[in-house]
Protein backbone atom coordinates (compact mmCIF):
# COMPACT_ATOMS: atom_id res chain seq x y z
CA MET A 1 93.52 99.51 120.24
CA PRO A 2 96.27 97.72 121.18
CA ILE A 3 97.23 94.29 121.10
CA ALA A 4 98.61 93.49 124.71
CA ILE A 5 101.07 90.04 124.61
CA GLU A 6 102.74 88.97 127.51
CA GLY A 7 101.85 93.10 129.04
CA VAL A 8 103.59 94.93 125.94
CA ASP A 9 101.09 96.95 123.69
CA TYR A 10 101.27 95.97 120.08
CA PHE A 11 99.91 98.48 117.52
CA THR A 12 98.56 97.72 113.92
CA ALA A 13 99.04 99.53 110.85
CA ALA A 14 95.84 100.69 111.01
CA ASP A 15 96.47 102.32 114.72
CA ILE A 16 98.95 104.03 113.68
CA GLN A 17 97.62 105.34 110.52
CA ARG A 18 94.47 106.48 112.63
CA GLU A 19 96.59 108.05 115.26
CA LEU A 20 98.88 109.74 112.82
CA GLY A 21 96.70 110.47 109.68
CA VAL A 22 99.12 108.59 107.63
CA VAL A 23 97.63 105.97 104.98
CA ARG A 24 99.01 102.36 104.28
CA GLN A 25 100.44 102.52 101.58
CA THR A 26 103.12 105.55 102.96
CA LEU A 27 103.68 103.32 105.78
CA TRP A 28 104.89 100.36 103.64
CA ARG A 29 107.04 102.68 100.96
CA TRP A 30 108.54 103.95 104.49
CA ARG A 31 109.48 100.58 105.67
CA ARG A 32 110.51 99.46 102.50
CA ALA A 33 113.13 102.71 102.27
CA ARG A 34 113.81 101.65 106.19
CA VAL A 35 113.52 104.91 107.02
CA ILE A 36 110.93 103.85 109.85
CA PRO A 37 111.16 100.96 112.52
CA GLN A 38 110.29 97.49 110.49
CA GLY A 39 108.03 96.15 113.56
CA LEU A 40 107.42 92.76 114.24
CA ARG A 41 105.06 89.81 112.45
CA TYR A 42 102.16 88.84 114.29
CA ARG A 43 100.16 85.52 113.91
CA SER A 44 101.99 84.99 110.73
CA LYS A 45 100.53 87.56 108.91
CA ALA A 46 100.04 91.15 110.87
CA ILE A 47 102.56 93.35 111.56
CA VAL A 48 102.93 95.11 114.86
CA PHE A 49 104.66 98.04 116.03
CA THR A 50 105.46 98.58 120.34
CA ARG A 51 104.70 101.68 121.34
CA ALA A 52 108.55 103.42 121.28
CA GLU A 53 108.19 101.95 117.07
CA VAL A 54 105.10 103.86 116.89
CA GLU A 55 107.07 107.28 118.60
CA ALA A 56 109.76 106.61 116.16
CA ILE A 57 107.20 106.33 112.91
CA ARG A 58 105.15 109.72 114.59
CA GLU A 59 109.24 111.43 114.77
CA TYR A 60 109.70 110.40 111.06
CA SER A 61 106.26 111.44 110.03
CA ASN A 62 106.87 115.01 111.72
CA ARG A 63 109.78 115.72 110.63
CA LEU A 64 110.75 119.50 109.52
CA GLU A 65 113.72 119.89 106.62
CA PRO A 66 114.93 123.29 104.78
CA ALA A 67 112.54 123.55 101.81
CA ASP A 68 115.67 123.67 99.84
CA SER A 69 117.43 120.38 100.78
CA PRO A 70 117.69 117.78 98.24
CA GLN A 71 115.30 115.02 98.12
CA PRO A 72 116.38 111.59 98.70
CA HIS A 73 115.95 109.73 95.24
CA ARG A 74 112.28 108.24 95.76
CA GLY A 75 112.70 103.53 95.61
CA SER A 76 116.61 103.99 96.20
CA GLY A 77 115.85 102.04 99.20
CA ALA A 78 117.89 103.34 101.72
CA ALA A 79 117.66 106.28 104.00
CA PRO A 80 119.86 109.35 104.33
CA ALA A 81 120.28 107.98 108.08
CA ALA A 82 121.17 104.52 106.86
CA GLN A 83 123.82 106.01 104.36
CA LYS A 84 125.67 107.85 106.51
CA GLU A 85 126.16 104.43 109.01
CA ASP A 86 127.41 102.69 106.13
CA SER A 87 130.24 105.34 105.23
């Protein structure tokens, strides 16, 4: 159930987990790696996401890649897209 703030709907991690079938640890790992939107802090504790951010998370969670493509190094903290921007 979204949280409405000044006419904008925001979604919690629990909302995203239910909708996408992704566990909380995976969401936070993706945030740490900066491969999904970072969201906004609500009331000094909860992280919430806009509808557009939820859609970006959905797209990332449902991505398809060639099976023989190299996997990004876990814990590197940088996404392939972020590396391209720095080049």
